[in-house]
């Protein structure tokens, strides 16, 4: 009887062990099936992505691959033009096959081509494409100067460019197509709606007769791409993208050295937080419409809403086209208690916490600018 009574617990444990083994077996079987399904699904998806978008298509598309484009950029262009299904898979497929030597230029590609055919085409292109239109917009350039450059380097008259870029219907279309553009650019106080949104960079076009809209929209796209890099910080900021671009344009016009950009941005934020006027000279130059060497008392009397010596807060919009470092500085300002800064003729910028200290610096170094102007 004693032995039989002892069998009960052992029997129960044995049954439990069988149940556990069965559960483990079933779980492993399910995992194997899931992994196999995922693997098969992934294989099918990737294989499908390498196939033509539309085998029956007779359509061909003229696609431009800019100089310096890597596999990721090319994949993005091809997916956008709908000649491949997935730009990311294109990028990794190229890497897996160790393909290289893609050439810049214009290509006639079709949705009926598979990825291997497209890769071959891209490798047989022209190494150095002869661009019909090429120009550079430096950081901090005014809108007026940008459209002058475009006019000089293309077949378009300045008046035609101005008319196009100030046409309300066209501006509405741009706002619909580009997330970076909002109704803010249509504010009645803004001098030029696209001021600050035409990204400073080198632009090259294969067509001699490139459309105004093609040029402008590429410049806007570059601004949007630039802001997307900092999208998380933009969303966390208390100010709108329009205000941030405005602040970045001021920093761009004020700072000569990279190290001063975040410092100046920090001072501007401090002044805004204190409810003080920004009082920055580049906004006055913009207000009077002249690239002044020095700001005069007469300039300071300007009634323009861009004159930050007379009006609190932000000017209506950007005062120039800021580059990436200026945008980055505005999103990552250097923290300090400084409320003032003064730029010397040498390029050195002196920062102060009090107006009294700032006035002393002004009195000490103002003669440098006066003497330089008389030279």
Protein backbone atom coordinates (compact mmCIF):
# COMPACT_ATOMS: atom_id res chain seq x y z
CA UNK A 1 0.00 0.00 0.00
CA UNK A 2 2.89 2.32 0.83
CA UNK A 3 4.42 1.78 -2.62
CA UNK A 4 1.08 2.42 -4.35
CA UNK A 5 0.57 5.61 -2.40
CA UNK A 6 3.97 6.85 -3.49
CA UNK A 7 3.17 6.21 -7.15
CA UNK A 8 0.55 8.95 -7.14
CA UNK A 9 2.89 11.99 -7.03
CA UNK A 10 5.38 10.37 -9.44
CA UNK A 11 2.62 9.55 -11.88
CA UNK A 12 1.32 13.11 -11.67
CA UNK A 13 4.80 14.54 -12.32
CA UNK A 14 5.25 12.21 -15.27
CA UNK A 15 1.94 13.38 -16.73
CA UNK A 16 2.94 17.01 -16.20
CA UNK A 17 6.26 16.39 -17.97
CA UNK A 18 4.41 14.88 -20.93
CA UNK A 19 2.13 17.92 -21.11
CA UNK A 20 5.12 20.28 -20.94
CA UNK A 21 6.93 18.35 -23.69
CA UNK A 22 3.80 18.43 -25.81
CA UNK A 23 3.41 22.21 -25.29
CA UNK A 24 7.09 22.77 -26.13
CA UNK A 25 6.77 20.59 -29.24
CA UNK A 26 3.62 22.41 -30.41
CA UNK A 27 5.20 25.81 -29.69
CA UNK A 28 8.35 24.92 -31.62
CA UNK A 29 6.26 23.58 -34.48
CA UNK A 30 4.26 26.82 -34.60
CA UNK A 31 7.46 28.91 -34.50
CA UNK A 32 8.97 26.86 -37.32
CA UNK A 33 5.83 27.31 -39.40
CA UNK A 34 5.75 31.08 -38.66
CA UNK A 35 9.45 31.51 -39.49
CA UNK A 36 9.02 29.48 -42.67
CA UNK A 37 5.97 31.53 -43.62
CA UNK A 38 7.80 34.79 -42.98
CA UNK A 39 10.80 33.55 -44.94
CA UNK A 40 8.69 32.41 -47.86
CA UNK A 41 6.66 35.63 -47.74
CA UNK A 42 9.82 37.74 -47.69
CA UNK A 43 11.31 35.76 -50.57
CA UNK A 44 8.14 36.14 -52.62
CA UNK A 45 7.92 39.88 -51.81
CA UNK A 46 11.57 40.57 -52.69
CA UNK A 47 11.40 38.45 -55.83
CA UNK A 48 8.28 40.33 -56.88
CA UNK A 49 9.99 43.67 -56.21
CA UNK A 50 12.77 42.70 -58.64
CA UNK A 51 10.28 41.97 -61.42
CA UNK A 52 9.03 44.65 -63.84
CA UNK A 53 6.39 47.05 -62.57
CA UNK A 54 4.33 46.25 -65.68
CA UNK A 55 5.64 43.67 -68.14
CA UNK A 56 3.08 44.71 -70.77
CA UNK A 57 3.89 48.43 -70.63
CA UNK A 58 4.93 50.20 -73.84
CA UNK A 59 5.62 53.44 -71.95
CA UNK A 60 9.10 54.92 -71.64
CA UNK A 61 10.07 57.60 -69.17
CA UNK A 62 12.82 60.19 -69.44
CA UNK A 63 14.63 59.99 -66.10
CA UNK A 64 17.53 62.16 -64.96
CA UNK A 65 20.14 60.73 -62.60
CA UNK A 66 22.17 63.63 -61.14
CA UNK A 67 25.95 63.46 -60.75
CA UNK A 68 26.95 62.04 -57.37
CA UNK A 69 23.78 59.98 -56.86
CA UNK A 70 24.35 56.83 -54.78
CA UNK A 71 22.28 53.63 -54.94
CA UNK A 72 19.85 54.89 -52.31
CA UNK A 73 19.22 58.16 -54.18
CA UNK A 74 18.89 56.33 -57.52
CA UNK A 75 16.46 53.84 -56.00
CA UNK A 76 14.35 56.70 -54.64
CA UNK A 77 14.26 58.41 -58.06
CA UNK A 78 13.34 55.18 -59.89
CA UNK A 79 10.58 54.33 -57.41
CA UNK A 80 9.22 57.88 -57.64
CA UNK A 81 9.15 57.58 -61.43
CA UNK A 82 7.41 54.18 -61.06
CA UNK A 83 9.90 52.15 -63.07
CA UNK A 84 10.74 49.94 -60.06
CA UNK A 85 8.55 48.80 -57.20
CA UNK A 86 10.78 49.49 -54.21
CA UNK A 87 13.78 51.81 -53.97
CA UNK A 88 15.09 50.26 -50.73
CA UNK A 89 15.14 46.76 -52.21
CA UNK A 90 16.93 48.19 -55.28
CA UNK A 91 19.59 49.67 -52.96
CA UNK A 92 20.20 46.37 -51.13
CA UNK A 93 20.07 44.31 -54.33
CA UNK A 94 22.77 46.52 -55.85
CA UNK A 95 24.88 46.08 -52.72
CA UNK A 96 24.30 42.29 -52.68
CA UNK A 97 25.37 41.97 -56.34
CA UNK A 98 28.29 44.36 -55.74
CA UNK A 99 27.17 46.55 -58.64
CA UNK A 100 28.83 49.93 -59.13
CA UNK A 101 29.81 52.40 -61.82
CA UNK A 102 26.40 53.98 -62.27
CA UNK A 103 26.59 57.01 -64.54
CA UNK A 104 24.85 60.36 -64.32
CA UNK A 105 22.69 61.41 -67.22
CA UNK A 106 19.29 61.08 -68.83
CA UNK A 107 17.82 57.64 -69.40
CA UNK A 108 14.86 56.23 -71.30
CA UNK A 109 13.53 53.59 -68.90
CA UNK A 110 10.33 51.58 -68.99
CA UNK A 111 8.12 49.97 -66.32
CA UNK A 112 8.45 46.79 -68.43
CA UNK A 113 12.16 46.48 -67.52
CA UNK A 114 13.32 44.33 -64.60
CA UNK A 115 15.92 45.57 -62.13
CA UNK A 116 18.86 43.82 -63.83
CA UNK A 117 18.01 45.51 -67.13
CA UNK A 118 17.75 48.90 -65.41
CA UNK A 119 21.09 48.38 -63.64
CA UNK A 120 22.75 47.58 -66.96
CA UNK A 121 21.32 50.75 -68.53
CA UNK A 122 22.58 52.87 -65.65
CA UNK A 123 26.09 51.44 -66.01
CA UNK A 124 26.24 52.29 -69.71
CA UNK A 125 25.40 55.97 -69.30
CA UNK A 126 27.60 59.02 -69.80
CA UNK A 127 30.23 59.56 -67.12
CA UNK A 128 30.21 63.33 -67.23
CA UNK A 129 26.93 64.75 -68.48
CA UNK A 130 27.11 68.15 -70.13
CA UNK A 131 24.59 70.32 -68.32
CA UNK A 132 22.92 73.09 -70.26
CA UNK A 133 22.07 75.09 -67.14
CA UNK A 134 24.24 75.31 -64.04
CA UNK A 135 24.30 77.90 -61.26
CA UNK A 136 25.14 78.26 -57.57
CA UNK A 137 23.07 80.03 -54.91
CA UNK A 138 25.24 80.89 -51.86
CA UNK A 139 23.83 80.62 -48.34
CA UNK A 140 22.14 83.80 -47.16
CA UNK A 141 21.17 85.03 -50.64
CA UNK A 142 18.12 87.29 -51.00
CA UNK A 143 15.21 86.16 -53.16
CA UNK A 144 15.75 89.12 -55.53
CA UNK A 145 19.34 88.03 -56.13
CA UNK A 146 18.32 84.38 -56.58
CA UNK A 147 15.85 85.11 -59.35
CA UNK A 148 18.41 87.42 -60.97
CA UNK A 149 20.88 84.52 -61.11
CA UNK A 150 18.20 82.24 -62.57
CA UNK A 151 17.40 84.85 -65.20
CA UNK A 152 21.08 85.28 -66.12
CA UNK A 153 21.72 81.54 -66.39
CA UNK A 154 18.55 80.51 -68.22
CA UNK A 155 16.45 81.69 -71.15
CA UNK A 156 13.83 83.26 -68.85
CA UNK A 157 13.31 86.99 -68.41
CA UNK A 158 13.42 88.34 -64.87
CA UNK A 159 9.89 89.73 -65.25
CA UNK A 160 8.56 86.31 -66.30
CA UNK A 161 10.18 84.62 -63.30
CA UNK A 162 8.78 87.26 -60.91
CA UNK A 163 5.30 86.99 -62.40
CA UNK A 164 5.33 83.20 -62.12
CA UNK A 165 6.55 83.15 -58.51
CA UNK A 166 4.06 85.74 -57.35
CA UNK A 167 1.07 84.27 -59.15
CA UNK A 168 -1.49 83.35 -56.47
CA UNK A 169 -2.80 80.33 -58.34
CA UNK A 170 0.69 78.91 -58.78
CA UNK A 171 1.53 79.59 -55.12
CA UNK A 172 -1.61 77.73 -54.08
CA UNK A 173 -0.49 74.76 -56.21
CA UNK A 174 2.94 74.83 -54.57
CA UNK A 175 1.40 74.84 -51.10
CA UNK A 176 -0.69 71.80 -52.04
CA UNK A 177 2.34 69.92 -53.38
CA UNK A 178 5.02 70.77 -50.81
CA UNK A 179 4.56 70.18 -47.08
CA UNK A 180 7.16 72.79 -46.16
CA UNK A 181 4.98 75.53 -47.67
CA UNK A 182 1.98 76.75 -45.66
CA UNK A 183 -0.51 79.59 -45.84
CA UNK A 184 2.04 81.62 -43.84
CA UNK A 185 3.80 82.54 -47.08
CA UNK A 186 0.65 84.34 -48.26
CA UNK A 187 0.63 86.80 -45.35
CA UNK A 188 0.01 90.29 -46.74
CA UNK A 189 3.08 91.66 -44.92
CA UNK A 190 5.45 89.25 -46.67
CA UNK A 191 7.46 90.87 -49.42
CA UNK A 192 8.14 87.72 -51.45
CA UNK A 193 6.19 84.52 -50.66
CA UNK A 194 9.09 82.18 -51.49
CA UNK A 195 11.80 84.16 -49.70
CA UNK A 196 13.78 81.68 -47.60
CA UNK A 197 12.30 78.61 -49.28
CA UNK A 198 14.67 78.48 -52.28
CA UNK A 199 17.50 76.36 -50.92
CA UNK A 200 21.06 77.64 -51.40
CA UNK A 201 23.02 75.03 -53.38
CA UNK A 202 24.40 74.15 -56.80
CA UNK A 203 21.74 73.40 -59.42
CA UNK A 204 22.28 71.66 -62.76
CA UNK A 205 19.79 70.91 -65.50
CA UNK A 206 20.23 69.00 -68.72
CA UNK A 207 17.60 70.90 -70.67
CA UNK A 208 18.55 74.28 -72.05
CA UNK A 209 14.91 75.34 -71.96
CA UNK A 210 14.27 74.12 -68.42
CA UNK A 211 10.97 75.44 -67.08
CA UNK A 212 10.80 78.05 -64.34
CA UNK A 213 8.57 75.73 -62.35
CA UNK A 214 11.09 72.87 -62.62
CA UNK A 215 13.88 75.04 -61.21
CA UNK A 216 11.81 76.54 -58.42
CA UNK A 217 10.26 73.29 -57.32
CA UNK A 218 13.62 71.57 -57.15
CA UNK A 219 14.82 74.37 -54.89
CA UNK A 220 11.75 74.05 -52.67
CA UNK A 221 12.20 70.27 -52.54
CA UNK A 222 15.78 70.78 -51.35
CA UNK A 223 14.50 73.02 -48.55
CA UNK A 224 11.93 70.40 -47.60
CA UNK A 225 14.56 67.63 -47.65
CA UNK A 226 16.77 69.79 -45.44
CA UNK A 227 13.99 70.34 -42.89
CA UNK A 228 13.04 66.64 -42.91
CA UNK A 229 16.53 65.87 -41.54
CA UNK A 230 15.50 67.73 -38.41
CA UNK A 231 11.80 66.77 -38.39
CA UNK A 232 11.85 65.46 -34.82
CA UNK A 233 13.43 68.66 -33.49
CA UNK A 234 11.09 70.82 -35.60
CA UNK A 235 8.06 69.05 -34.11
CA UNK A 236 9.38 69.51 -30.57
CA UNK A 237 10.10 73.22 -31.07
CA UNK A 238 7.62 75.82 -29.81
CA UNK A 239 7.82 77.73 -33.09
CA UNK A 240 6.39 76.84 -36.50
CA UNK A 241 8.62 75.73 -39.42
CA UNK A 242 7.99 79.16 -41.01
CA UNK A 243 9.21 80.94 -37.88
CA UNK A 244 12.20 78.60 -37.59
CA UNK A 245 13.21 79.31 -41.18
CA UNK A 246 12.81 83.02 -40.45
CA UNK A 247 15.08 82.73 -37.42
CA UNK A 248 17.58 80.62 -39.40
CA UNK A 249 17.70 83.27 -42.13
CA UNK A 250 18.59 85.91 -39.53
CA UNK A 251 21.32 83.69 -38.09
CA UNK A 252 22.61 83.09 -41.63
CA UNK A 253 22.92 86.81 -42.30
CA UNK A 254 24.43 87.60 -38.88
CA UNK A 255 27.06 84.89 -38.38
CA UNK A 256 30.31 84.71 -40.29
CA UNK A 257 31.79 81.77 -38.40
CA UNK A 258 30.10 78.42 -37.78
CA UNK A 259 30.81 78.56 -34.03
CA UNK A 260 28.75 81.75 -33.74
CA UNK A 261 25.60 80.36 -35.33
CA UNK A 262 24.29 78.42 -32.29
CA UNK A 263 25.42 81.23 -29.97
CA UNK A 264 23.55 83.89 -31.92
CA UNK A 265 20.53 81.58 -32.15
CA UNK A 266 20.62 81.23 -28.37
CA UNK A 267 20.64 85.03 -27.91
CA UNK A 268 17.69 85.41 -30.28
CA UNK A 269 15.70 82.81 -28.36
CA UNK A 270 16.53 84.57 -25.09
CA UNK A 271 15.26 87.87 -26.46
CA UNK A 272 12.04 86.27 -27.70
CA UNK A 273 11.53 84.60 -24.31
CA UNK A 274 11.99 87.95 -22.57
CA UNK A 275 9.52 89.67 -24.90
CA UNK A 276 12.29 91.94 -26.23
CA UNK A 277 12.63 93.14 -29.81
CA UNK A 278 15.18 91.13 -31.78
CA UNK A 279 16.95 94.32 -32.99
CA UNK A 280 19.16 92.70 -35.62
CA UNK A 281 20.69 94.76 -38.42
CA UNK A 282 20.13 92.29 -41.30
CA UNK A 283 16.37 92.68 -40.86
CA UNK A 284 16.78 96.44 -41.20
CA UNK A 285 18.77 96.03 -44.42
CA UNK A 286 15.99 93.81 -45.71
CA UNK A 287 13.37 96.31 -44.55
CA UNK A 288 14.94 99.13 -46.59
CA UNK A 289 15.82 96.79 -49.47
CA UNK A 290 19.54 97.55 -49.55
CA UNK A 291 22.64 95.56 -48.66
CA UNK A 292 23.93 98.26 -46.33
CA UNK A 293 27.42 98.15 -44.91
CA UNK A 294 26.23 99.91 -41.76
CA UNK A 295 22.79 100.56 -40.30
CA UNK A 296 21.96 104.27 -40.08
CA UNK A 297 19.53 106.06 -37.77
CA UNK A 298 17.38 106.75 -40.82
CA UNK A 299 17.26 103.01 -41.59
CA UNK A 300 16.11 102.31 -38.04
CA UNK A 301 13.07 104.53 -38.60
CA UNK A 302 11.75 102.26 -41.37
CA UNK A 303 8.09 101.38 -40.88
CA UNK A 304 8.53 98.02 -42.59
CA UNK A 305 7.30 95.05 -40.50
CA UNK A 306 10.71 93.50 -41.21
CA UNK A 307 12.38 96.17 -39.04
CA UNK A 308 12.98 94.29 -35.79
CA UNK A 309 14.17 97.49 -34.08
CA UNK A 310 10.62 98.83 -34.28
CA UNK A 311 8.49 95.68 -34.07
CA UNK A 312 8.55 92.88 -31.52
CA UNK A 313 8.73 89.19 -32.33
CA UNK A 314 9.49 87.68 -35.71
CA UNK A 315 9.52 89.58 -38.97
CA UNK A 316 6.75 88.35 -41.34
CA UNK A 317 9.03 85.74 -42.92
CA UNK A 318 12.62 84.80 -43.80
CA UNK A 319 14.96 87.54 -44.99
CA UNK A 320 17.21 85.23 -47.05
CA UNK A 321 17.79 81.56 -47.89
CA UNK A 322 19.40 79.82 -44.91
CA UNK A 323 21.67 76.81 -45.36
CA UNK A 324 21.77 73.61 -43.32
CA UNK A 325 24.19 74.89 -40.60
CA UNK A 326 21.94 77.88 -39.85
CA UNK A 327 18.84 75.67 -39.57
CA UNK A 328 20.76 73.25 -37.36
CA UNK A 329 21.90 76.14 -35.12
CA UNK A 330 18.34 77.35 -34.64
CA UNK A 331 17.24 73.85 -33.65
CA UNK A 332 20.27 73.37 -31.37
CA UNK A 333 20.94 76.83 -29.88
CA UNK A 334 23.70 77.32 -27.34
CA UNK A 335 22.21 78.00 -23.93
CA UNK A 336 23.40 81.09 -22.08
CA UNK A 337 22.08 84.17 -20.27
CA UNK A 338 23.29 86.47 -23.05
CA UNK A 339 20.80 88.96 -24.46
CA UNK A 340 23.18 90.95 -26.66
CA UNK A 341 25.92 90.35 -29.21
CA UNK A 342 28.13 92.64 -31.23
CA UNK A 343 30.02 91.69 -34.40
CA UNK A 344 33.41 93.32 -34.81
CA UNK A 345 34.89 94.18 -38.21
CA UNK A 346 37.36 91.31 -37.74
CA UNK A 347 34.52 88.81 -37.52
CA UNK A 348 34.79 88.29 -33.77
CA UNK A 349 31.41 88.32 -32.01
CA UNK A 350 31.21 89.58 -28.42
CA UNK A 351 28.33 88.42 -26.22
CA UNK A 352 26.92 90.18 -23.17
CA UNK A 353 24.17 89.68 -20.60
CA UNK A 354 23.41 93.34 -19.89
CA UNK A 355 22.68 96.39 -22.04
CA UNK A 356 25.33 98.40 -20.19
CA UNK A 357 28.05 95.90 -21.14
CA UNK A 358 26.74 95.83 -24.70
CA UNK A 359 26.89 99.63 -24.98
CA UNK A 360 30.49 99.63 -23.77
CA UNK A 361 31.43 97.14 -26.50
CA UNK A 362 29.58 99.21 -29.13
CA UNK A 363 31.40 102.38 -28.13
CA UNK A 364 34.75 100.63 -28.08
CA UNK A 365 34.54 99.00 -31.52
CA UNK A 366 32.09 101.05 -33.59
CA UNK A 367 34.95 103.11 -35.04
CA UNK A 368 36.25 99.95 -36.80
CA UNK A 369 33.19 99.92 -39.05
CA UNK A 370 33.27 103.67 -39.66
CA UNK A 371 36.94 103.58 -40.66
CA UNK A 372 36.40 100.56 -42.93
CA UNK A 373 33.48 102.31 -44.68
CA UNK A 374 35.70 105.33 -45.43
CA UNK A 375 38.48 103.19 -46.95
